[in-house]
Amino acid sequence: MSDTMTQGVPPALPLAVNLQYTKDLSFEVPHGPEIFTALTAAPQISVNIDVQANRLQNDQPHFEVALTIKAEADEAPATEGGPAGRKVFIAELTYAAVVTLNNPPAELVEPLLLVEVPRLIFPFARNILGDVTRDGGFPPVVLQPIDFVALWQARRAEASQTVGHA
């Protein structure tokens, strides 16, 4: 009877999220308050995302995974194709999770830490970034979903090219 009950249930991830926290948060308006009166068009926003994972103790299966998001807004260029204007705001967030891996196969450790954990904590980081930019006096920055698999694959390709050129 138990075999038929478990057939439709996917296997549990060999991962436990122990806690999540804001590791670092910064919001700057370098040209405030005059930027609020001078801003005539929507600023141009650029976003950079990075993921880092570190083992907390060498002999333990506990890791810290840190998702870093940096959003910068610049005034739109005065002329099309011209240089960007002044910096409107800079928002930097490092949102982290402490996780425990429960004996996963070796080939799954890296994707679990650099894809699955960021995917799980991203909605919380996105919410914090939106709240901070809104509370800073600007429309909230609402990040679109991130393809963490593509980000991880690009990082691996970049690392293999660096090793190949060394």
C-alpha atoms as a PDB file:
ATOM      1  CA  MET A   1       0.000   0.000   0.000  1.00  0.00           C
ATOM      2  CA  SER A   2       2.795   2.441   0.790  1.00  0.00           C
ATOM      3  CA  ASP A   3       4.330   1.895  -2.669  1.00  0.00           C
ATOM      4  CA  THR A   4       1.214   3.207  -4.376  1.00  0.00           C
ATOM      5  CA  MET A   5       1.021   6.154  -1.983  1.00  0.00           C
ATOM      6  CA  THR A   6       4.569   7.335  -2.740  1.00  0.00           C
ATOM      7  CA  GLN A   7       4.525   6.909  -6.527  1.00  0.00           C
ATOM      8  CA  GLY A   8       3.013  10.344  -7.194  1.00  0.00           C
ATOM      9  CA  VAL A   9       5.188  12.164  -4.649  1.00  0.00           C
ATOM     10  CA  PRO A  10       8.468  13.661  -5.929  1.00  0.00           C
ATOM     11  CA  PRO A  11      11.556  12.816  -3.887  1.00  0.00           C
ATOM     12  CA  ALA A  12      12.526  15.344  -1.226  1.00  0.00           C
ATOM     13  CA  LEU A  13      15.464  17.637  -1.920  1.00  0.00           C
ATOM     14  CA  PRO A  14      18.617  16.698  -0.020  1.00  0.00           C
ATOM     15  CA  LEU A  15      18.580  20.274   1.266  1.00  0.00           C
ATOM     16  CA  ALA A  16      17.279  22.082   4.335  1.00  0.00           C
ATOM     17  CA  VAL A  17      17.089  25.875   4.552  1.00  0.00           C
ATOM     18  CA  ASN A  18      17.930  26.603   8.195  1.00  0.00           C
ATOM     19  CA  LEU A  19      17.555  30.381   8.098  1.00  0.00           C
ATOM     20  CA  GLN A  20      17.526  33.401   5.825  1.00  0.00           C
ATOM     21  CA  TYR A  21      18.723  36.896   6.592  1.00  0.00           C
ATOM     22  CA  THR A  22      19.712  40.268   5.190  1.00  0.00           C
ATOM     23  CA  LYS A  23      23.497  40.168   5.341  1.00  0.00           C
ATOM     24  CA  ASP A  24      24.109  43.633   3.876  1.00  0.00           C
ATOM     25  CA  LEU A  25      21.829  46.404   2.650  1.00  0.00           C
ATOM     26  CA  SER A  26      22.726  49.818   1.297  1.00  0.00           C
ATOM     27  CA  PHE A  27      20.657  52.488  -0.418  1.00  0.00           C
ATOM     28  CA  GLU A  28      22.166  55.763  -1.585  1.00  0.00           C
ATOM     29  CA  VAL A  29      20.787  58.824  -3.326  1.00  0.00           C
ATOM     30  CA  PRO A  30      24.063  60.620  -4.132  1.00  0.00           C
ATOM     31  CA  HIS A  31      22.412  63.788  -5.503  1.00  0.00           C
ATOM     32  CA  GLY A  32      19.444  64.013  -3.158  1.00  0.00           C
ATOM     33  CA  PRO A  33      17.335  66.046  -2.669  1.00  0.00           C
ATOM     34  CA  GLU A  34      17.940  67.977  -5.929  1.00  0.00           C
ATOM     35  CA  ILE A  35      17.655  64.782  -8.018  1.00  0.00           C
ATOM     36  CA  PHE A  36      13.957  64.577  -7.096  1.00  0.00           C
ATOM     37  CA  THR A  37      13.227  67.971  -8.677  1.00  0.00           C
ATOM     38  CA  ALA A  38      15.604  67.538 -11.630  1.00  0.00           C
ATOM     39  CA  LEU A  39      14.441  64.084 -12.742  1.00  0.00           C
ATOM     40  CA  THR A  40      12.315  64.613 -15.865  1.00  0.00           C
ATOM     41  CA  ALA A  41      12.218  61.084 -17.291  1.00  0.00           C
ATOM     42  CA  ALA A  42      12.313  57.554 -15.931  1.00  0.00           C
ATOM     43  CA  PRO A  43      15.867  56.660 -14.935  1.00  0.00           C
ATOM     44  CA  GLN A  44      17.812  53.909 -16.671  1.00  0.00           C
ATOM     45  CA  ILE A  45      18.245  50.995 -14.269  1.00  0.00           C
ATOM     46  CA  SER A  46      20.969  48.381 -14.475  1.00  0.00           C
ATOM     47  CA  VAL A  47      21.022  45.271 -12.301  1.00  0.00           C
ATOM     48  CA  ASN A  48      23.905  42.932 -11.486  1.00  0.00           C
ATOM     49  CA  ILE A  49      23.410  39.625  -9.704  1.00  0.00           C
ATOM     50  CA  ASP A  50      25.958  37.309  -8.118  1.00  0.00           C
ATOM     51  CA  VAL A  51      25.711  34.120  -6.074  1.00  0.00           C
ATOM     52  CA  GLN A  52      28.379  32.839  -3.689  1.00  0.00           C
ATOM     53  CA  ALA A  53      28.384  29.692  -1.556  1.00  0.00           C
ATOM     54  CA  ASN A  54      30.777  28.947   1.293  1.00  0.00           C
ATOM     55  CA  ARG A  55      31.042  25.952   3.579  1.00  0.00           C
ATOM     56  CA  LEU A  56      30.752  27.111   7.192  1.00  0.00           C
ATOM     57  CA  GLN A  57      32.923  24.336   8.722  1.00  0.00           C
ATOM     58  CA  ASN A  58      35.165  21.933   6.828  1.00  0.00           C
ATOM     59  CA  ASP A  59      33.742  18.781   8.389  1.00  0.00           C
ATOM     60  CA  GLN A  60      30.075  19.834   8.403  1.00  0.00           C
ATOM     61  CA  PRO A  61      27.436  19.921   5.611  1.00  0.00           C
ATOM     62  CA  HIS A  62      26.383  23.515   6.438  1.00  0.00           C
ATOM     63  CA  PHE A  63      26.770  26.283   3.858  1.00  0.00           C
ATOM     64  CA  GLU A  64      26.048  29.972   3.559  1.00  0.00           C
ATOM     65  CA  VAL A  65      24.634  30.950   0.174  1.00  0.00           C
ATOM     66  CA  ALA A  66      24.677  34.693  -0.527  1.00  0.00           C
ATOM     67  CA  LEU A  67      22.654  36.312  -3.301  1.00  0.00           C
ATOM     68  CA  THR A  68      23.987  39.790  -4.098  1.00  0.00           C
ATOM     69  CA  ILE A  69      21.879  42.209  -6.127  1.00  0.00           C
ATOM     70  CA  LYS A  70      23.094  45.666  -7.134  1.00  0.00           C
ATOM     71  CA  ALA A  71      20.652  48.019  -8.830  1.00  0.00           C
ATOM     72  CA  GLU A  72      21.858  51.377 -10.116  1.00  0.00           C
ATOM     73  CA  ALA A  73      19.710  54.069 -11.682  1.00  0.00           C
ATOM     74  CA  ASP A  74      21.085  56.854 -13.879  1.00  0.00           C
ATOM     75  CA  GLU A  75      19.358  59.874 -15.347  1.00  0.00           C
ATOM     76  CA  ALA A  76      18.360  59.283 -18.951  1.00  0.00           C
ATOM     77  CA  PRO A  77      20.794  60.832 -21.465  1.00  0.00           C
ATOM     78  CA  ALA A  78      19.981  64.415 -22.450  1.00  0.00           C
ATOM     79  CA  THR A  79      20.241  63.393 -26.114  1.00  0.00           C
ATOM     80  CA  GLU A  80      19.609  60.014 -27.684  1.00  0.00           C
ATOM     81  CA  GLY A  81      22.836  58.007 -27.613  1.00  0.00           C
ATOM     82  CA  GLY A  82      24.443  60.582 -25.346  1.00  0.00           C
ATOM     83  CA  PRO A  83      26.157  59.871 -22.044  1.00  0.00           C
ATOM     84  CA  ALA A  84      24.037  58.931 -19.058  1.00  0.00           C
ATOM     85  CA  GLY A  85      23.269  61.652 -16.594  1.00  0.00           C
ATOM     86  CA  ARG A  86      23.869  61.716 -12.859  1.00  0.00           C
ATOM     87  CA  LYS A  87      23.465  58.711 -10.604  1.00  0.00           C
ATOM     88  CA  VAL A  88      19.887  58.661  -9.285  1.00  0.00           C
ATOM     89  CA  PHE A  89      20.259  55.870  -6.744  1.00  0.00           C
ATOM     90  CA  ILE A  90      22.365  52.845  -5.855  1.00  0.00           C
ATOM     91  CA  ALA A  91      20.776  49.898  -4.056  1.00  0.00           C
ATOM     92  CA  GLU A  92      22.907  46.976  -2.922  1.00  0.00           C
ATOM     93  CA  LEU A  93      21.539  43.926  -1.157  1.00  0.00           C
ATOM     94  CA  THR A  94      23.184  40.721  -0.029  1.00  0.00           C
ATOM     95  CA  TYR A  95      20.533  38.266   1.095  1.00  0.00           C
ATOM     96  CA  ALA A  96      21.811  34.997   2.519  1.00  0.00           C
ATOM     97  CA  ALA A  97      20.647  31.600   3.654  1.00  0.00           C
ATOM     98  CA  VAL A  98      22.289  29.008   5.850  1.00  0.00           C
ATOM     99  CA  VAL A  99      21.536  25.575   4.444  1.00  0.00           C
ATOM    100  CA  THR A 100      22.337  21.982   5.277  1.00  0.00           C
ATOM    101  CA  LEU A 101      22.936  19.412   2.569  1.00  0.00           C
ATOM    102  CA  ASN A 102      21.761  15.917   3.465  1.00  0.00           C
ATOM    103  CA  ASN A 103      24.176  13.605   1.619  1.00  0.00           C
ATOM    104  CA  PRO A 104      23.412  14.627  -1.970  1.00  0.00           C
ATOM    105  CA  PRO A 105      25.322  12.997  -4.821  1.00  0.00           C
ATOM    106  CA  ALA A 106      28.577  14.919  -5.417  1.00  0.00           C
ATOM    107  CA  GLU A 107      27.433  16.158  -8.835  1.00  0.00           C
ATOM    108  CA  LEU A 108      24.386  17.835  -7.242  1.00  0.00           C
ATOM    109  CA  VAL A 109      26.207  19.879  -4.580  1.00  0.00           C
ATOM    110  CA  GLU A 110      27.126  22.808  -6.841  1.00  0.00           C
ATOM    111  CA  PRO A 111      23.722  23.086  -8.582  1.00  0.00           C
ATOM    112  CA  LEU A 112      21.925  22.835  -5.245  1.00  0.00           C
ATOM    113  CA  LEU A 113      23.999  25.658  -3.757  1.00  0.00           C
ATOM    114  CA  LEU A 114      24.246  27.936  -6.807  1.00  0.00           C
ATOM    115  CA  VAL A 115      20.882  27.298  -8.488  1.00  0.00           C
ATOM    116  CA  GLU A 116      18.297  25.814  -6.127  1.00  0.00           C
ATOM    117  CA  VAL A 117      19.023  27.871  -2.986  1.00  0.00           C
ATOM    118  CA  PRO A 118      19.135  31.207  -4.896  1.00  0.00           C
ATOM    119  CA  ARG A 119      15.875  30.242  -6.597  1.00  0.00           C
ATOM    120  CA  LEU A 120      14.294  29.672  -3.178  1.00  0.00           C
ATOM    121  CA  ILE A 121      15.512  32.915  -1.580  1.00  0.00           C
ATOM    122  CA  PHE A 122      15.155  35.218  -4.615  1.00  0.00           C
ATOM    123  CA  PRO A 123      11.515  36.220  -3.934  1.00  0.00           C
ATOM    124  CA  PHE A 124      12.504  37.516  -0.497  1.00  0.00           C
ATOM    125  CA  ALA A 125      15.444  39.510  -1.905  1.00  0.00           C
ATOM    126  CA  ARG A 126      13.258  40.910  -4.704  1.00  0.00           C
ATOM    127  CA  ASN A 127      10.705  42.063  -2.123  1.00  0.00           C
ATOM    128  CA  ILE A 128      13.346  43.790   0.013  1.00  0.00           C
ATOM    129  CA  LEU A 129      14.822  45.600  -3.014  1.00  0.00           C
ATOM    130  CA  GLY A 130      11.383  46.780  -4.125  1.00  0.00           C
ATOM    131  CA  ASP A 131      10.544  48.045  -0.635  1.00  0.00           C
ATOM    132  CA  VAL A 132      13.877  49.864  -0.232  1.00  0.00           C
ATOM    133  CA  THR A 133      13.627  51.696  -3.560  1.00  0.00           C
ATOM    134  CA  ARG A 134      10.003  52.611  -2.893  1.00  0.00           C
ATOM    135  CA  ASP A 135      10.823  53.808   0.620  1.00  0.00           C
ATOM    136  CA  GLY A 136      13.694  55.807  -0.907  1.00  0.00           C
ATOM    137  CA  GLY A 137      11.186  57.920  -2.828  1.00  0.00           C
ATOM    138  CA  PHE A 138      11.284  56.155  -6.203  1.00  0.00           C
ATOM    139  CA  PRO A 139       9.022  53.693  -7.965  1.00  0.00           C
ATOM    140  CA  PRO A 140       9.875  50.208  -6.661  1.00  0.00           C
ATOM    141  CA  VAL A 141      12.415  48.177  -8.604  1.00  0.00           C
ATOM    142  CA  VAL A 142      10.568  44.953  -9.396  1.00  0.00           C
ATOM    143  CA  LEU A 143      12.991  42.365 -10.670  1.00  0.00           C
ATOM    144  CA  GLN A 144      11.825  39.805 -13.193  1.00  0.00           C
ATOM    145  CA  PRO A 145      12.458  36.140 -12.370  1.00  0.00           C
ATOM    146  CA  ILE A 146      16.096  35.107 -12.775  1.00  0.00           C
ATOM    147  CA  ASP A 147      17.224  32.008 -14.650  1.00  0.00           C
ATOM    148  CA  PHE A 148      19.743  30.770 -12.082  1.00  0.00           C
ATOM    149  CA  VAL A 149      20.588  27.743 -14.247  1.00  0.00           C
ATOM    150  CA  ALA A 150      21.754  30.041 -17.069  1.00  0.00           C
ATOM    151  CA  LEU A 151      23.653  32.210 -14.569  1.00  0.00           C
ATOM    152  CA  TRP A 152      25.410  29.134 -13.141  1.00  0.00           C
ATOM    153  CA  GLN A 153      26.210  27.781 -16.612  1.00  0.00           C
ATOM    154  CA  ALA A 154      27.635  31.134 -17.731  1.00  0.00           C
ATOM    155  CA  ARG A 155      29.791  31.282 -14.612  1.00  0.00           C
ATOM    156  CA  ARG A 156      31.095  27.739 -15.265  1.00  0.00           C
ATOM    157  CA  ALA A 157      31.869  28.592 -18.905  1.00  0.00           C
ATOM    158  CA  GLU A 158      33.709  31.738 -17.800  1.00  0.00           C
ATOM    159  CA  ALA A 159      35.693  29.768 -15.219  1.00  0.00           C
ATOM    160  CA  SER A 160      36.680  27.090 -17.750  1.00  0.00           C
ATOM    161  CA  GLN A 161      37.884  29.786 -20.191  1.00  0.00           C
ATOM    162  CA  THR A 162      39.951  31.412 -17.447  1.00  0.00           C
ATOM    163  CA  VAL A 163      41.534  28.067 -16.563  1.00  0.00           C
ATOM    164  CA  GLY A 164      42.161  27.380 -20.255  1.00  0.00           C
ATOM    165  CA  HIS A 165      44.048  30.667 -20.697  1.00  0.00           C
ATOM    166  CA  ALA A 166      46.158  30.328 -17.547  1.00  0.00           C
END
